[in-house]
């Protein structure tokens, strides 16, 4: 029930966290 974003691999994880931070800004 938490807004946790799941990633498939390390590259995917890095791209997603950078995108999420930019979106939050």
PDBML (XML) file of the C-alpha atoms, coordinates in Angstrom:
<?xml version="1.0" encoding="UTF-8" ?>
<PDBx:datablock datablockName="MODEL"
   xmlns:PDBx="http://pdbml.pdb.org/schema/pdbx-v50.xsd"
   xmlns:xsi="http://www.w3.org/2001/XMLSchema-instance"
   xsi:schemaLocation="http://pdbml.pdb.org/schema/pdbx-v50.xsd pdbx-v50.xsd">
   <PDBx:atom_siteCategory>
      <PDBx:atom_site id="1">
         <PDBx:B_iso_or_equiv>0.00</PDBx:B_iso_or_equiv>
         <PDBx:Cartn_x>0.000</PDBx:Cartn_x>
         <PDBx:Cartn_y>0.000</PDBx:Cartn_y>
         <PDBx:Cartn_z>0.000</PDBx:Cartn_z>
         <PDBx:auth_asym_id>A</PDBx:auth_asym_id>
         <PDBx:auth_atom_id>CA</PDBx:auth_atom_id>
         <PDBx:auth_comp_id>UNK</PDBx:auth_comp_id>
         <PDBx:auth_seq_id>1</PDBx:auth_seq_id>
         <PDBx:group_PDB>ATOM</PDBx:group_PDB>
         <PDBx:label_alt_id xsi:nil="true" />
         <PDBx:label_asym_id>A</PDBx:label_asym_id>
         <PDBx:label_atom_id>CA</PDBx:label_atom_id>
         <PDBx:label_comp_id>UNK</PDBx:label_comp_id>
         <PDBx:label_entity_id>1</PDBx:label_entity_id>
         <PDBx:label_seq_id>1</PDBx:label_seq_id>
         <PDBx:occupancy>1.00</PDBx:occupancy>
         <PDBx:pdbx_PDB_model_num>1</PDBx:pdbx_PDB_model_num>
         <PDBx:type_symbol>C</PDBx:type_symbol>
      </PDBx:atom_site>
      <PDBx:atom_site id="2">
         <PDBx:B_iso_or_equiv>0.00</PDBx:B_iso_or_equiv>
         <PDBx:Cartn_x>3.043</PDBx:Cartn_x>
         <PDBx:Cartn_y>2.261</PDBx:Cartn_y>
         <PDBx:Cartn_z>-0.079</PDBx:Cartn_z>
         <PDBx:auth_asym_id>A</PDBx:auth_asym_id>
         <PDBx:auth_atom_id>CA</PDBx:auth_atom_id>
         <PDBx:auth_comp_id>UNK</PDBx:auth_comp_id>
         <PDBx:auth_seq_id>2</PDBx:auth_seq_id>
         <PDBx:group_PDB>ATOM</PDBx:group_PDB>
         <PDBx:label_alt_id xsi:nil="true" />
         <PDBx:label_asym_id>A</PDBx:label_asym_id>
         <PDBx:label_atom_id>CA</PDBx:label_atom_id>
         <PDBx:label_comp_id>UNK</PDBx:label_comp_id>
         <PDBx:label_entity_id>1</PDBx:label_entity_id>
         <PDBx:label_seq_id>2</PDBx:label_seq_id>
         <PDBx:occupancy>1.00</PDBx:occupancy>
         <PDBx:pdbx_PDB_model_num>1</PDBx:pdbx_PDB_model_num>
         <PDBx:type_symbol>C</PDBx:type_symbol>
      </PDBx:atom_site>
      <PDBx:atom_site id="3">
         <PDBx:B_iso_or_equiv>0.00</PDBx:B_iso_or_equiv>
         <PDBx:Cartn_x>4.222</PDBx:Cartn_x>
         <PDBx:Cartn_y>4.216</PDBx:Cartn_y>
         <PDBx:Cartn_z>-3.156</PDBx:Cartn_z>
         <PDBx:auth_asym_id>A</PDBx:auth_asym_id>
         <PDBx:auth_atom_id>CA</PDBx:auth_atom_id>
         <PDBx:auth_comp_id>UNK</PDBx:auth_comp_id>
         <PDBx:auth_seq_id>3</PDBx:auth_seq_id>
         <PDBx:group_PDB>ATOM</PDBx:group_PDB>
         <PDBx:label_alt_id xsi:nil="true" />
         <PDBx:label_asym_id>A</PDBx:label_asym_id>
         <PDBx:label_atom_id>CA</PDBx:label_atom_id>
         <PDBx:label_comp_id>UNK</PDBx:label_comp_id>
         <PDBx:label_entity_id>1</PDBx:label_entity_id>
         <PDBx:label_seq_id>3</PDBx:label_seq_id>
         <PDBx:occupancy>1.00</PDBx:occupancy>
         <PDBx:pdbx_PDB_model_num>1</PDBx:pdbx_PDB_model_num>
         <PDBx:type_symbol>C</PDBx:type_symbol>
      </PDBx:atom_site>
      <PDBx:atom_site id="4">
         <PDBx:B_iso_or_equiv>0.00</PDBx:B_iso_or_equiv>
         <PDBx:Cartn_x>7.279</PDBx:Cartn_x>
         <PDBx:Cartn_y>2.007</PDBx:Cartn_y>
         <PDBx:Cartn_z>-3.637</PDBx:Cartn_z>
         <PDBx:auth_asym_id>A</PDBx:auth_asym_id>
         <PDBx:auth_atom_id>CA</PDBx:auth_atom_id>
         <PDBx:auth_comp_id>UNK</PDBx:auth_comp_id>
         <PDBx:auth_seq_id>4</PDBx:auth_seq_id>
         <PDBx:group_PDB>ATOM</PDBx:group_PDB>
         <PDBx:label_alt_id xsi:nil="true" />
         <PDBx:label_asym_id>A</PDBx:label_asym_id>
         <PDBx:label_atom_id>CA</PDBx:label_atom_id>
         <PDBx:label_comp_id>UNK</PDBx:label_comp_id>
         <PDBx:label_entity_id>1</PDBx:label_entity_id>
         <PDBx:label_seq_id>4</PDBx:label_seq_id>
         <PDBx:occupancy>1.00</PDBx:occupancy>
         <PDBx:pdbx_PDB_model_num>1</PDBx:pdbx_PDB_model_num>
         <PDBx:type_symbol>C</PDBx:type_symbol>
      </PDBx:atom_site>
      <PDBx:atom_site id="5">
         <PDBx:B_iso_or_equiv>0.00</PDBx:B_iso_or_equiv>
         <PDBx:Cartn_x>8.551</PDBx:Cartn_x>
         <PDBx:Cartn_y>1.755</PDBx:Cartn_y>
         <PDBx:Cartn_z>-7.210</PDBx:Cartn_z>
         <PDBx:auth_asym_id>A</PDBx:auth_asym_id>
         <PDBx:auth_atom_id>CA</PDBx:auth_atom_id>
         <PDBx:auth_comp_id>UNK</PDBx:auth_comp_id>
         <PDBx:auth_seq_id>5</PDBx:auth_seq_id>
         <PDBx:group_PDB>ATOM</PDBx:group_PDB>
         <PDBx:label_alt_id xsi:nil="true" />
         <PDBx:label_asym_id>A</PDBx:label_asym_id>
         <PDBx:label_atom_id>CA</PDBx:label_atom_id>
         <PDBx:label_comp_id>UNK</PDBx:label_comp_id>
         <PDBx:label_entity_id>1</PDBx:label_entity_id>
         <PDBx:label_seq_id>5</PDBx:label_seq_id>
         <PDBx:occupancy>1.00</PDBx:occupancy>
         <PDBx:pdbx_PDB_model_num>1</PDBx:pdbx_PDB_model_num>
         <PDBx:type_symbol>C</PDBx:type_symbol>
      </PDBx:atom_site>
      <PDBx:atom_site id="6">
         <PDBx:B_iso_or_equiv>0.00</PDBx:B_iso_or_equiv>
         <PDBx:Cartn_x>9.894</PDBx:Cartn_x>
         <PDBx:Cartn_y>-1.679</PDBx:Cartn_y>
         <PDBx:Cartn_z>-8.114</PDBx:Cartn_z>
         <PDBx:auth_asym_id>A</PDBx:auth_asym_id>
         <PDBx:auth_atom_id>CA</PDBx:auth_atom_id>
         <PDBx:auth_comp_id>UNK</PDBx:auth_comp_id>
         <PDBx:auth_seq_id>6</PDBx:auth_seq_id>
         <PDBx:group_PDB>ATOM</PDBx:group_PDB>
         <PDBx:label_alt_id xsi:nil="true" />
         <PDBx:label_asym_id>A</PDBx:label_asym_id>
         <PDBx:label_atom_id>CA</PDBx:label_atom_id>
         <PDBx:label_comp_id>UNK</PDBx:label_comp_id>
         <PDBx:label_entity_id>1</PDBx:label_entity_id>
         <PDBx:label_seq_id>6</PDBx:label_seq_id>
         <PDBx:occupancy>1.00</PDBx:occupancy>
         <PDBx:pdbx_PDB_model_num>1</PDBx:pdbx_PDB_model_num>
         <PDBx:type_symbol>C</PDBx:type_symbol>
      </PDBx:atom_site>
      <PDBx:atom_site id="7">
         <PDBx:B_iso_or_equiv>0.00</PDBx:B_iso_or_equiv>
         <PDBx:Cartn_x>12.782</PDBx:Cartn_x>
         <PDBx:Cartn_y>-2.081</PDBx:Cartn_y>
         <PDBx:Cartn_z>-10.575</PDBx:Cartn_z>
         <PDBx:auth_asym_id>A</PDBx:auth_asym_id>
         <PDBx:auth_atom_id>CA</PDBx:auth_atom_id>
         <PDBx:auth_comp_id>UNK</PDBx:auth_comp_id>
         <PDBx:auth_seq_id>7</PDBx:auth_seq_id>
         <PDBx:group_PDB>ATOM</PDBx:group_PDB>
         <PDBx:label_alt_id xsi:nil="true" />
         <PDBx:label_asym_id>A</PDBx:label_asym_id>
         <PDBx:label_atom_id>CA</PDBx:label_atom_id>
         <PDBx:label_comp_id>UNK</PDBx:label_comp_id>
         <PDBx:label_entity_id>1</PDBx:label_entity_id>
         <PDBx:label_seq_id>7</PDBx:label_seq_id>
         <PDBx:occupancy>1.00</PDBx:occupancy>
         <PDBx:pdbx_PDB_model_num>1</PDBx:pdbx_PDB_model_num>
         <PDBx:type_symbol>C</PDBx:type_symbol>
      </PDBx:atom_site>
      <PDBx:atom_site id="8">
         <PDBx:B_iso_or_equiv>0.00</PDBx:B_iso_or_equiv>
         <PDBx:Cartn_x>13.837</PDBx:Cartn_x>
         <PDBx:Cartn_y>-5.103</PDBx:Cartn_y>
         <PDBx:Cartn_z>-12.618</PDBx:Cartn_z>
         <PDBx:auth_asym_id>A</PDBx:auth_asym_id>
         <PDBx:auth_atom_id>CA</PDBx:auth_atom_id>
         <PDBx:auth_comp_id>UNK</PDBx:auth_comp_id>
         <PDBx:auth_seq_id>8</PDBx:auth_seq_id>
         <PDBx:group_PDB>ATOM</PDBx:group_PDB>
         <PDBx:label_alt_id xsi:nil="true" />
         <PDBx:label_asym_id>A</PDBx:label_asym_id>
         <PDBx:label_atom_id>CA</PDBx:label_atom_id>
         <PDBx:label_comp_id>UNK</PDBx:label_comp_id>
         <PDBx:label_entity_id>1</PDBx:label_entity_id>
         <PDBx:label_seq_id>8</PDBx:label_seq_id>
         <PDBx:occupancy>1.00</PDBx:occupancy>
         <PDBx:pdbx_PDB_model_num>1</PDBx:pdbx_PDB_model_num>
         <PDBx:type_symbol>C</PDBx:type_symbol>
      </PDBx:atom_site>
      <PDBx:atom_site id="9">
         <PDBx:B_iso_or_equiv>0.00</PDBx:B_iso_or_equiv>
         <PDBx:Cartn_x>17.590</PDBx:Cartn_x>
         <PDBx:Cartn_y>-4.542</PDBx:Cartn_y>
         <PDBx:Cartn_z>-12.710</PDBx:Cartn_z>
         <PDBx:auth_asym_id>A</PDBx:auth_asym_id>
         <PDBx:auth_atom_id>CA</PDBx:auth_atom_id>
         <PDBx:auth_comp_id>UNK</PDBx:auth_comp_id>
         <PDBx:auth_seq_id>9</PDBx:auth_seq_id>
         <PDBx:group_PDB>ATOM</PDBx:group_PDB>
         <PDBx:label_alt_id xsi:nil="true" />
         <PDBx:label_asym_id>A</PDBx:label_asym_id>
         <PDBx:label_atom_id>CA</PDBx:label_atom_id>
         <PDBx:label_comp_id>UNK</PDBx:label_comp_id>
         <PDBx:label_entity_id>1</PDBx:label_entity_id>
         <PDBx:label_seq_id>9</PDBx:label_seq_id>
         <PDBx:occupancy>1.00</PDBx:occupancy>
         <PDBx:pdbx_PDB_model_num>1</PDBx:pdbx_PDB_model_num>
         <PDBx:type_symbol>C</PDBx:type_symbol>
      </PDBx:atom_site>
      <PDBx:atom_site id="10">
         <PDBx:B_iso_or_equiv>0.00</PDBx:B_iso_or_equiv>
         <PDBx:Cartn_x>20.206</PDBx:Cartn_x>
         <PDBx:Cartn_y>-2.038</PDBx:Cartn_y>
         <PDBx:Cartn_z>-11.608</PDBx:Cartn_z>
         <PDBx:auth_asym_id>A</PDBx:auth_asym_id>
         <PDBx:auth_atom_id>CA</PDBx:auth_atom_id>
         <PDBx:auth_comp_id>UNK</PDBx:auth_comp_id>
         <PDBx:auth_seq_id>10</PDBx:auth_seq_id>
         <PDBx:group_PDB>ATOM</PDBx:group_PDB>
         <PDBx:label_alt_id xsi:nil="true" />
         <PDBx:label_asym_id>A</PDBx:label_asym_id>
         <PDBx:label_atom_id>CA</PDBx:label_atom_id>
         <PDBx:label_comp_id>UNK</PDBx:label_comp_id>
         <PDBx:label_entity_id>1</PDBx:label_entity_id>
         <PDBx:label_seq_id>10</PDBx:label_seq_id>
         <PDBx:occupancy>1.00</PDBx:occupancy>
         <PDBx:pdbx_PDB_model_num>1</PDBx:pdbx_PDB_model_num>
         <PDBx:type_symbol>C</PDBx:type_symbol>
      </PDBx:atom_site>
      <PDBx:atom_site id="11">
         <PDBx:B_iso_or_equiv>0.00</PDBx:B_iso_or_equiv>
         <PDBx:Cartn_x>20.036</PDBx:Cartn_x>
         <PDBx:Cartn_y>0.073</PDBx:Cartn_y>
         <PDBx:Cartn_z>-14.755</PDBx:Cartn_z>
         <PDBx:auth_asym_id>A</PDBx:auth_asym_id>
         <PDBx:auth_atom_id>CA</PDBx:auth_atom_id>
         <PDBx:auth_comp_id>UNK</PDBx:auth_comp_id>
         <PDBx:auth_seq_id>11</PDBx:auth_seq_id>
         <PDBx:group_PDB>ATOM</PDBx:group_PDB>
         <PDBx:label_alt_id xsi:nil="true" />
         <PDBx:label_asym_id>A</PDBx:label_asym_id>
         <PDBx:label_atom_id>CA</PDBx:label_atom_id>
         <PDBx:label_comp_id>UNK</PDBx:label_comp_id>
         <PDBx:label_entity_id>1</PDBx:label_entity_id>
         <PDBx:label_seq_id>11</PDBx:label_seq_id>
         <PDBx:occupancy>1.00</PDBx:occupancy>
         <PDBx:pdbx_PDB_model_num>1</PDBx:pdbx_PDB_model_num>
         <PDBx:type_symbol>C</PDBx:type_symbol>
      </PDBx:atom_site>
      <PDBx:atom_site id="12">
         <PDBx:B_iso_or_equiv>0.00</PDBx:B_iso_or_equiv>
         <PDBx:Cartn_x>16.263</PDBx:Cartn_x>
         <PDBx:Cartn_y>0.213</PDBx:Cartn_y>
         <PDBx:Cartn_z>-14.532</PDBx:Cartn_z>
         <PDBx:auth_asym_id>A</PDBx:auth_asym_id>
         <PDBx:auth_atom_id>CA</PDBx:auth_atom_id>
         <PDBx:auth_comp_id>UNK</PDBx:auth_comp_id>
         <PDBx:auth_seq_id>12</PDBx:auth_seq_id>
         <PDBx:group_PDB>ATOM</PDBx:group_PDB>
         <PDBx:label_alt_id xsi:nil="true" />
         <PDBx:label_asym_id>A</PDBx:label_asym_id>
         <PDBx:label_atom_id>CA</PDBx:label_atom_id>
         <PDBx:label_comp_id>UNK</PDBx:label_comp_id>
         <PDBx:label_entity_id>1</PDBx:label_entity_id>
         <PDBx:label_seq_id>12</PDBx:label_seq_id>
         <PDBx:occupancy>1.00</PDBx:occupancy>
         <PDBx:pdbx_PDB_model_num>1</PDBx:pdbx_PDB_model_num>
         <PDBx:type_symbol>C</PDBx:type_symbol>
      </PDBx:atom_site>
      <PDBx:atom_site id="13">
         <PDBx:B_iso_or_equiv>0.00</PDBx:B_iso_or_equiv>
         <PDBx:Cartn_x>16.482</PDBx:Cartn_x>
         <PDBx:Cartn_y>1.162</PDBx:Cartn_y>
         <PDBx:Cartn_z>-10.844</PDBx:Cartn_z>
         <PDBx:auth_asym_id>A</PDBx:auth_asym_id>
         <PDBx:auth_atom_id>CA</PDBx:auth_atom_id>
         <PDBx:auth_comp_id>UNK</PDBx:auth_comp_id>
         <PDBx:auth_seq_id>13</PDBx:auth_seq_id>
         <PDBx:group_PDB>ATOM</PDBx:group_PDB>
         <PDBx:label_alt_id xsi:nil="true" />
         <PDBx:label_asym_id>A</PDBx:label_asym_id>
         <PDBx:label_atom_id>CA</PDBx:label_atom_id>
         <PDBx:label_comp_id>UNK</PDBx:label_comp_id>
         <PDBx:label_entity_id>1</PDBx:label_entity_id>
         <PDBx:label_seq_id>13</PDBx:label_seq_id>
         <PDBx:occupancy>1.00</PDBx:occupancy>
         <PDBx:pdbx_PDB_model_num>1</PDBx:pdbx_PDB_model_num>
         <PDBx:type_symbol>C</PDBx:type_symbol>
      </PDBx:atom_site>
      <PDBx:atom_site id="14">
         <PDBx:B_iso_or_equiv>0.00</PDBx:B_iso_or_equiv>
         <PDBx:Cartn_x>18.873</PDBx:Cartn_x>
         <PDBx:Cartn_y>4.045</PDBx:Cartn_y>
         <PDBx:Cartn_z>-11.478</PDBx:Cartn_z>
         <PDBx:auth_asym_id>A</PDBx:auth_asym_id>
         <PDBx:auth_atom_id>CA</PDBx:auth_atom_id>
         <PDBx:auth_comp_id>UNK</PDBx:auth_comp_id>
         <PDBx:auth_seq_id>14</PDBx:auth_seq_id>
         <PDBx:group_PDB>ATOM</PDBx:group_PDB>
         <PDBx:label_alt_id xsi:nil="true" />
         <PDBx:label_asym_id>A</PDBx:label_asym_id>
         <PDBx:label_atom_id>CA</PDBx:label_atom_id>
         <PDBx:label_comp_id>UNK</PDBx:label_comp_id>
         <PDBx:label_entity_id>1</PDBx:label_entity_id>
         <PDBx:label_seq_id>14</PDBx:label_seq_id>
         <PDBx:occupancy>1.00</PDBx:occupancy>
         <PDBx:pdbx_PDB_model_num>1</PDBx:pdbx_PDB_model_num>
         <PDBx:type_symbol>C</PDBx:type_symbol>
      </PDBx:atom_site>
      <PDBx:atom_site id="15">
         <PDBx:B_iso_or_equiv>0.00</PDBx:B_iso_or_equiv>
         <PDBx:Cartn_x>16.776</PDBx:Cartn_x>
         <PDBx:Cartn_y>5.436</PDBx:Cartn_y>
         <PDBx:Cartn_z>-14.337</PDBx:Cartn_z>
         <PDBx:auth_asym_id>A</PDBx:auth_asym_id>
         <PDBx:auth_atom_id>CA</PDBx:auth_atom_id>
         <PDBx:auth_comp_id>UNK</PDBx:auth_comp_id>
         <PDBx:auth_seq_id>15</PDBx:auth_seq_id>
         <PDBx:group_PDB>ATOM</PDBx:group_PDB>
         <PDBx:label_alt_id xsi:nil="true" />
         <PDBx:label_asym_id>A</PDBx:label_asym_id>
         <PDBx:label_atom_id>CA</PDBx:label_atom_id>
         <PDBx:label_comp_id>UNK</PDBx:label_comp_id>
         <PDBx:label_entity_id>1</PDBx:label_entity_id>
         <PDBx:label_seq_id>15</PDBx:label_seq_id>
         <PDBx:occupancy>1.00</PDBx:occupancy>
         <PDBx:pdbx_PDB_model_num>1</PDBx:pdbx_PDB_model_num>
         <PDBx:type_symbol>C</PDBx:type_symbol>
      </PDBx:atom_site>
      <PDBx:atom_site id="16">
         <PDBx:B_iso_or_equiv>0.00</PDBx:B_iso_or_equiv>
         <PDBx:Cartn_x>13.600</PDBx:Cartn_x>
         <PDBx:Cartn_y>5.204</PDBx:Cartn_y>
         <PDBx:Cartn_z>-12.247</PDBx:Cartn_z>
         <PDBx:auth_asym_id>A</PDBx:auth_asym_id>
         <PDBx:auth_atom_id>CA</PDBx:auth_atom_id>
         <PDBx:auth_comp_id>UNK</PDBx:auth_comp_id>
         <PDBx:auth_seq_id>16</PDBx:auth_seq_id>
         <PDBx:group_PDB>ATOM</PDBx:group_PDB>
         <PDBx:label_alt_id xsi:nil="true" />
         <PDBx:label_asym_id>A</PDBx:label_asym_id>
         <PDBx:label_atom_id>CA</PDBx:label_atom_id>
         <PDBx:label_comp_id>UNK</PDBx:label_comp_id>
         <PDBx:label_entity_id>1</PDBx:label_entity_id>
         <PDBx:label_seq_id>16</PDBx:label_seq_id>
         <PDBx:occupancy>1.00</PDBx:occupancy>
         <PDBx:pdbx_PDB_model_num>1</PDBx:pdbx_PDB_model_num>
         <PDBx:type_symbol>C</PDBx:type_symbol>
      </PDBx:atom_site>
      <PDBx:atom_site id="17">
         <PDBx:B_iso_or_equiv>0.00</PDBx:B_iso_or_equiv>
         <PDBx:Cartn_x>14.959</PDBx:Cartn_x>
         <PDBx:Cartn_y>6.937</PDBx:Cartn_y>
         <PDBx:Cartn_z>-9.118</PDBx:Cartn_z>
         <PDBx:auth_asym_id>A</PDBx:auth_asym_id>
         <PDBx:auth_atom_id>CA</PDBx:auth_atom_id>
         <PDBx:auth_comp_id>UNK</PDBx:auth_comp_id>
         <PDBx:auth_seq_id>17</PDBx:auth_seq_id>
         <PDBx:group_PDB>ATOM</PDBx:group_PDB>
         <PDBx:label_alt_id xsi:nil="true" />
         <PDBx:label_asym_id>A</PDBx:label_asym_id>
         <PDBx:label_atom_id>CA</PDBx:label_atom_id>
         <PDBx:label_comp_id>UNK</PDBx:label_comp_id>
         <PDBx:label_entity_id>1</PDBx:label_entity_id>
         <PDBx:label_seq_id>17</PDBx:label_seq_id>
         <PDBx:occupancy>1.00</PDBx:occupancy>
         <PDBx:pdbx_PDB_model_num>1</PDBx:pdbx_PDB_model_num>
         <PDBx:type_symbol>C</PDBx:type_symbol>
      </PDBx:atom_site>
      <PDBx:atom_site id="18">
         <PDBx:B_iso_or_equiv>0.00</PDBx:B_iso_or_equiv>
         <PDBx:Cartn_x>16.427</PDBx:Cartn_x>
         <PDBx:Cartn_y>9.786</PDBx:Cartn_y>
         <PDBx:Cartn_z>-11.178</PDBx:Cartn_z>
         <PDBx:auth_asym_id>A</PDBx:auth_asym_id>
         <PDBx:auth_atom_id>CA</PDBx:auth_atom_id>
         <PDBx:auth_comp_id>UNK</PDBx:auth_comp_id>
         <PDBx:auth_seq_id>18</PDBx:auth_seq_id>
         <PDBx:group_PDB>ATOM</PDBx:group_PDB>
         <PDBx:label_alt_id xsi:nil="true" />
         <PDBx:label_asym_id>A</PDBx:label_asym_id>
         <PDBx:label_atom_id>CA</PDBx:label_atom_id>
         <PDBx:label_comp_id>UNK</PDBx:label_comp_id>
         <PDBx:label_entity_id>1</PDBx:label_entity_id>
         <PDBx:label_seq_id>18</PDBx:label_seq_id>
         <PDBx:occupancy>1.00</PDBx:occupancy>
         <PDBx:pdbx_PDB_model_num>1</PDBx:pdbx_PDB_model_num>
         <PDBx:type_symbol>C</PDBx:type_symbol>
      </PDBx:atom_site>
      <PDBx:atom_site id="19">
         <PDBx:B_iso_or_equiv>0.00</PDBx:B_iso_or_equiv>
         <PDBx:Cartn_x>13.102</PDBx:Cartn_x>
         <PDBx:Cartn_y>10.184</PDBx:Cartn_y>
         <PDBx:Cartn_z>-12.995</PDBx:Cartn_z>
         <PDBx:auth_asym_id>A</PDBx:auth_asym_id>
         <PDBx:auth_atom_id>CA</PDBx:auth_atom_id>
         <PDBx:auth_comp_id>UNK</PDBx:auth_comp_id>
         <PDBx:auth_seq_id>19</PDBx:auth_seq_id>
         <PDBx:group_PDB>ATOM</PDBx:group_PDB>
         <PDBx:label_alt_id xsi:nil="true" />
         <PDBx:label_asym_id>A</PDBx:label_asym_id>
         <PDBx:label_atom_id>CA</PDBx:label_atom_id>
         <PDBx:label_comp_id>UNK</PDBx:label_comp_id>
         <PDBx:label_entity_id>1</PDBx:label_entity_id>
         <PDBx:label_seq_id>19</PDBx:label_seq_id>
         <PDBx:occupancy>1.00</PDBx:occupancy>
         <PDBx:pdbx_PDB_model_num>1</PDBx:pdbx_PDB_model_num>
         <PDBx:type_symbol>C</PDBx:type_symbol>
      </PDBx:atom_site>
      <PDBx:atom_site id="20">
         <PDBx:B_iso_or_equiv>0.00</PDBx:B_iso_or_equiv>
         <PDBx:Cartn_x>11.111</PDBx:Cartn_x>
         <PDBx:Cartn_y>10.032</PDBx:Cartn_y>
         <PDBx:Cartn_z>-9.735</PDBx:Cartn_z>
         <PDBx:auth_asym_id>A</PDBx:auth_asym_id>
         <PDBx:auth_atom_id>CA</PDBx:auth_atom_id>
         <PDBx:auth_comp_id>UNK</PDBx:auth_comp_id>
         <PDBx:auth_seq_id>20</PDBx:auth_seq_id>
         <PDBx:group_PDB>ATOM</PDBx:group_PDB>
         <PDBx:label_alt_id xsi:nil="true" />
         <PDBx:label_asym_id>A</PDBx:label_asym_id>
         <PDBx:label_atom_id>CA</PDBx:label_atom_id>
         <PDBx:label_comp_id>UNK</PDBx:label_comp_id>
         <PDBx:label_entity_id>1</PDBx:label_entity_id>
         <PDBx:label_seq_id>20</PDBx:label_seq_id>
         <PDBx:occupancy>1.00</PDBx:occupancy>
         <PDBx:pdbx_PDB_model_num>1</PDBx:pdbx_PDB_model_num>
         <PDBx:type_symbol>C</PDBx:type_symbol>
      </PDBx:atom_site>
      <PDBx:atom_site id="21">
         <PDBx:B_iso_or_equiv>0.00</PDBx:B_iso_or_equiv>
         <PDBx:Cartn_x>13.279</PDBx:Cartn_x>
         <PDBx:Cartn_y>12.737</PDBx:Cartn_y>
         <PDBx:Cartn_z>-8.126</PDBx:Cartn_z>
         <PDBx:auth_asym_id>A</PDBx:auth_asym_id>
         <PDBx:auth_atom_id>CA</PDBx:auth_atom_id>
         <PDBx:auth_comp_id>UNK</PDBx:auth_comp_id>
         <PDBx:auth_seq_id>21</PDBx:auth_seq_id>
         <PDBx:group_PDB>ATOM</PDBx:group_PDB>
         <PDBx:label_alt_id xsi:nil="true" />
         <PDBx:label_asym_id>A</PDBx:label_asym_id>
         <PDBx:label_atom_id>CA</PDBx:label_atom_id>
         <PDBx:label_comp_id>UNK</PDBx:label_comp_id>
         <PDBx:label_entity_id>1</PDBx:label_entity_id>
         <PDBx:label_seq_id>21</PDBx:label_seq_id>
         <PDBx:occupancy>1.00</PDBx:occupancy>
         <PDBx:pdbx_PDB_model_num>1</PDBx:pdbx_PDB_model_num>
         <PDBx:type_symbol>C</PDBx:type_symbol>
      </PDBx:atom_site>
      <PDBx:atom_site id="22">
         <PDBx:B_iso_or_equiv>0.00</PDBx:B_iso_or_equiv>
         <PDBx:Cartn_x>12.908</PDBx:Cartn_x>
         <PDBx:Cartn_y>15.006</PDBx:Cartn_y>
         <PDBx:Cartn_z>-11.159</PDBx:Cartn_z>
         <PDBx:auth_asym_id>A</PDBx:auth_asym_id>
         <PDBx:auth_atom_id>CA</PDBx:auth_atom_id>
         <PDBx:auth_comp_id>UNK</PDBx:auth_comp_id>
         <PDBx:auth_seq_id>22</PDBx:auth_seq_id>
         <PDBx:group_PDB>ATOM</PDBx:group_PDB>
         <PDBx:label_alt_id xsi:nil="true" />
         <PDBx:label_asym_id>A</PDBx:label_asym_id>
         <PDBx:label_atom_id>CA</PDBx:label_atom_id>
         <PDBx:label_comp_id>UNK</PDBx:label_comp_id>
         <PDBx:label_entity_id>1</PDBx:label_entity_id>
         <PDBx:label_seq_id>22</PDBx:label_seq_id>
         <PDBx:occupancy>1.00</PDBx:occupancy>
         <PDBx:pdbx_PDB_model_num>1</PDBx:pdbx_PDB_model_num>
         <PDBx:type_symbol>C</PDBx:type_symbol>
      </PDBx:atom_site>
      <PDBx:atom_site id="23">
         <PDBx:B_iso_or_equiv>0.00</PDBx:B_iso_or_equiv>
         <PDBx:Cartn_x>9.152</PDBx:Cartn_x>
         <PDBx:Cartn_y>14.411</PDBx:Cartn_y>
         <PDBx:Cartn_z>-11.116</PDBx:Cartn_z>
         <PDBx:auth_asym_id>A</PDBx:auth_asym_id>
         <PDBx:auth_atom_id>CA</PDBx:auth_atom_id>
         <PDBx:auth_comp_id>UNK</PDBx:auth_comp_id>
         <PDBx:auth_seq_id>23</PDBx:auth_seq_id>
         <PDBx:group_PDB>ATOM</PDBx:group_PDB>
         <PDBx:label_alt_id xsi:nil="true" />
         <PDBx:label_asym_id>A</PDBx:label_asym_id>
         <PDBx:label_atom_id>CA</PDBx:label_atom_id>
         <PDBx:label_comp_id>UNK</PDBx:label_comp_id>
         <PDBx:label_entity_id>1</PDBx:label_entity_id>
         <PDBx:label_seq_id>23</PDBx:label_seq_id>
         <PDBx:occupancy>1.00</PDBx:occupancy>
         <PDBx:pdbx_PDB_model_num>1</PDBx:pdbx_PDB_model_num>
         <PDBx:type_symbol>C</PDBx:type_symbol>
      </PDBx:atom_site>
      <PDBx:atom_site id="24">
         <PDBx:B_iso_or_equiv>0.00</PDBx:B_iso_or_equiv>
         <PDBx:Cartn_x>8.935</PDBx:Cartn_x>
         <PDBx:Cartn_y>15.277</PDBx:Cartn_y>
         <PDBx:Cartn_z>-7.401</PDBx:Cartn_z>
         <PDBx:auth_asym_id>A</PDBx:auth_asym_id>
         <PDBx:auth_atom_id>CA</PDBx:auth_atom_id>
         <PDBx:auth_comp_id>UNK</PDBx:auth_comp_id>
         <PDBx:auth_seq_id>24</PDBx:auth_seq_id>
         <PDBx:group_PDB>ATOM</PDBx:group_PDB>
         <PDBx:label_alt_id xsi:nil="true" />
         <PDBx:label_asym_id>A</PDBx:label_asym_id>
         <PDBx:label_atom_id>CA</PDBx:label_atom_id>
         <PDBx:label_comp_id>UNK</PDBx:label_comp_id>
         <PDBx:label_entity_id>1</PDBx:label_entity_id>
         <PDBx:label_seq_id>24</PDBx:label_seq_id>
         <PDBx:occupancy>1.00</PDBx:occupancy>
         <PDBx:pdbx_PDB_model_num>1</PDBx:pdbx_PDB_model_num>
         <PDBx:type_symbol>C</PDBx:type_symbol>
      </PDBx:atom_site>
      <PDBx:atom_site id="25">
         <PDBx:B_iso_or_equiv>0.00</PDBx:B_iso_or_equiv>
         <PDBx:Cartn_x>10.917</PDBx:Cartn_x>
         <PDBx:Cartn_y>18.470</PDBx:Cartn_y>
         <PDBx:Cartn_z>-7.936</PDBx:Cartn_z>
         <PDBx:auth_asym_id>A</PDBx:auth_asym_id>
         <PDBx:auth_atom_id>CA</PDBx:auth_atom_id>
         <PDBx:auth_comp_id>UNK</PDBx:auth_comp_id>
         <PDBx:auth_seq_id>25</PDBx:auth_seq_id>
         <PDBx:group_PDB>ATOM</PDBx:group_PDB>
         <PDBx:label_alt_id xsi:nil="true" />
         <PDBx:label_asym_id>A</PDBx:label_asym_id>
         <PDBx:label_atom_id>CA</PDBx:label_atom_id>
         <PDBx:label_comp_id>UNK</PDBx:label_comp_id>
         <PDBx:label_entity_id>1</PDBx:label_entity_id>
         <PDBx:label_seq_id>25</PDBx:label_seq_id>
         <PDBx:occupancy>1.00</PDBx:occupancy>
         <PDBx:pdbx_PDB_model_num>1</PDBx:pdbx_PDB_model_num>
         <PDBx:type_symbol>C</PDBx:type_symbol>
      </PDBx:atom_site>
   </PDBx:atom_siteCategory>
</PDBx:datablock>
